[in-house]
């Protein structure tokens, strides 16, 4: 019972932290803007690269699971068929977990960007360049 209460407490604290990060208060105090800093260009590039790499790995593992499944179907009844089936299921689950984590990371970054836009700390307008000068 104590373990469930601790988990609930941790979850509520995590939700509170995410809420504070995604929806900053309208009248922040001096210390609150330092809670979250903007991503640098290199962090954004590295994040995009890692997300793309994880997507490729997830798709490769998914294709592997399909191949293992068809290998298991072609095998006659026996231990090898069971092992191929287990490996197929495990790799399919791994691919789903990787894909879901990448989607959650992208959604979190999107929410942070939207919160920064609403707070006015960044702008999505393209600055005009005076060509004549």
Protein backbone atom coordinates (compact mmCIF):
# COMPACT_ATOMS: atom_id res chain seq x y z
CA UNK A 1 0.00 0.00 0.00
CA UNK A 2 2.84 2.37 0.85
CA UNK A 3 4.43 1.66 -2.53
CA UNK A 4 1.25 2.72 -4.37
CA UNK A 5 1.05 5.93 -2.35
CA UNK A 6 4.69 6.73 -3.18
CA UNK A 7 4.04 6.13 -6.88
CA UNK A 8 0.97 8.38 -6.79
CA UNK A 9 2.98 11.08 -5.03
CA UNK A 10 5.79 10.82 -7.59
CA UNK A 11 3.29 10.94 -10.48
CA UNK A 12 1.56 14.00 -9.06
CA UNK A 13 4.92 15.76 -8.62
CA UNK A 14 5.90 14.84 -12.20
CA UNK A 15 2.58 16.17 -13.52
CA UNK A 16 3.07 19.36 -11.53
CA UNK A 17 6.58 19.82 -12.95
CA UNK A 18 5.41 19.23 -16.53
CA UNK A 19 2.50 21.62 -15.98
CA UNK A 20 4.87 24.30 -14.70
CA UNK A 21 7.22 23.76 -17.65
CA UNK A 22 4.51 23.75 -20.31
CA UNK A 23 2.29 26.46 -18.82
CA UNK A 24 4.33 29.04 -16.94
CA UNK A 25 2.41 31.36 -14.61
CA UNK A 26 1.26 34.72 -15.98
CA UNK A 27 3.24 36.67 -13.37
CA UNK A 28 6.52 34.77 -12.93
CA UNK A 29 8.84 35.62 -10.09
CA UNK A 30 12.51 36.36 -10.67
CA UNK A 31 13.65 32.76 -10.11
CA UNK A 32 11.05 31.04 -12.33
CA UNK A 33 12.47 32.02 -15.75
CA UNK A 34 15.69 30.24 -14.77
CA UNK A 35 13.80 26.96 -14.23
CA UNK A 36 13.71 26.32 -17.97
CA UNK A 37 16.09 27.62 -20.55
CA UNK A 38 15.64 27.54 -24.29
CA UNK A 39 17.22 24.83 -26.41
CA UNK A 40 20.34 25.86 -28.23
CA UNK A 41 20.62 25.19 -31.95
CA UNK A 42 23.03 22.30 -31.35
CA UNK A 43 20.69 20.71 -28.82
CA UNK A 44 17.84 20.95 -31.30
CA UNK A 45 19.97 19.49 -34.13
CA UNK A 46 21.24 16.70 -31.89
CA UNK A 47 17.71 15.99 -30.66
CA UNK A 48 16.39 15.79 -34.21
CA UNK A 49 19.26 13.49 -35.21
CA UNK A 50 18.71 11.17 -32.24
CA UNK A 51 14.96 11.06 -32.91
CA UNK A 52 15.55 10.22 -36.58
CA UNK A 53 18.10 7.56 -35.64
CA UNK A 54 15.73 6.00 -33.10
CA UNK A 55 12.96 5.96 -35.70
CA UNK A 56 15.22 4.12 -38.16
CA UNK A 57 16.23 1.64 -35.47
CA UNK A 58 12.58 1.16 -34.50
CA UNK A 59 11.56 0.48 -38.10
CA UNK A 60 14.47 -1.95 -38.55
CA UNK A 61 13.49 -3.86 -35.40
CA UNK A 62 9.86 -3.90 -36.55
CA UNK A 63 10.89 -5.38 -39.92
CA UNK A 64 13.03 -7.92 -38.08
CA UNK A 65 10.02 -8.96 -36.00
CA UNK A 66 7.96 -9.49 -39.16
CA UNK A 67 10.74 -11.62 -40.66
CA UNK A 68 11.03 -13.67 -37.48
CA UNK A 69 7.26 -14.16 -37.45
CA UNK A 70 7.22 -15.55 -40.99
CA UNK A 71 10.21 -17.77 -40.20
CA UNK A 72 8.32 -19.11 -37.18
CA UNK A 73 5.21 -19.79 -39.26
CA UNK A 74 7.23 -21.82 -41.78
CA UNK A 75 8.88 -23.97 -39.11
CA UNK A 76 7.25 -27.25 -38.11
CA UNK A 77 5.94 -27.56 -34.55
CA UNK A 78 8.79 -27.64 -32.08
CA UNK A 79 11.17 -25.75 -29.88
CA UNK A 80 12.68 -23.68 -32.71
CA UNK A 81 9.24 -22.42 -33.71
CA UNK A 82 8.52 -21.36 -30.12
CA UNK A 83 11.84 -19.54 -29.86
CA UNK A 84 11.29 -17.71 -33.15
CA UNK A 85 7.80 -16.73 -32.03
CA UNK A 86 9.11 -15.38 -28.72
CA UNK A 87 11.88 -13.45 -30.47
CA UNK A 88 9.35 -12.02 -32.92
CA UNK A 89 7.07 -10.85 -30.11
CA UNK A 90 9.94 -9.39 -28.11
CA UNK A 91 11.33 -7.47 -31.08
CA UNK A 92 7.85 -6.20 -31.99
CA UNK A 93 7.35 -4.95 -28.43
CA UNK A 94 10.76 -3.28 -28.47
CA UNK A 95 9.95 -1.51 -31.74
CA UNK A 96 6.66 -0.23 -30.31
CA UNK A 97 8.38 1.05 -27.15
CA UNK A 98 11.05 2.86 -29.19
CA UNK A 99 8.46 4.41 -31.50
CA UNK A 100 6.26 5.53 -28.61
CA UNK A 101 9.18 7.10 -26.73
CA UNK A 102 10.23 9.06 -29.83
CA UNK A 103 6.66 10.31 -30.30
CA UNK A 104 6.45 11.34 -26.63
CA UNK A 105 9.76 13.19 -26.85
CA UNK A 106 8.59 15.06 -29.95
CA UNK A 107 5.28 15.94 -28.30
CA UNK A 108 7.11 17.23 -25.22
CA UNK A 109 9.39 19.40 -27.39
CA UNK A 110 6.36 20.68 -29.31
CA UNK A 111 4.63 21.63 -26.03
CA UNK A 112 7.74 23.42 -24.78
CA UNK A 113 8.02 25.34 -28.04
CA UNK A 114 4.35 26.31 -27.87
CA UNK A 115 4.75 27.44 -24.24
CA UNK A 116 7.77 29.55 -25.24
CA UNK A 117 5.75 31.09 -28.08
CA UNK A 118 2.88 31.93 -25.75
CA UNK A 119 5.25 33.34 -23.13
CA UNK A 120 6.83 35.56 -25.77
CA UNK A 121 10.37 34.37 -25.14
CA UNK A 122 10.69 33.30 -28.80
CA UNK A 123 9.04 34.27 -32.04
CA UNK A 124 8.16 32.19 -35.07
CA UNK A 125 8.21 35.19 -37.39
CA UNK A 126 10.92 35.30 -40.03
CA UNK A 127 12.94 38.50 -39.70
CA UNK A 128 13.02 40.65 -42.81
CA UNK A 129 16.44 41.44 -44.24
CA UNK A 130 17.00 44.79 -45.92
CA UNK A 131 18.75 43.86 -49.18
CA UNK A 132 19.44 47.42 -50.32
CA UNK A 133 21.62 48.38 -47.38
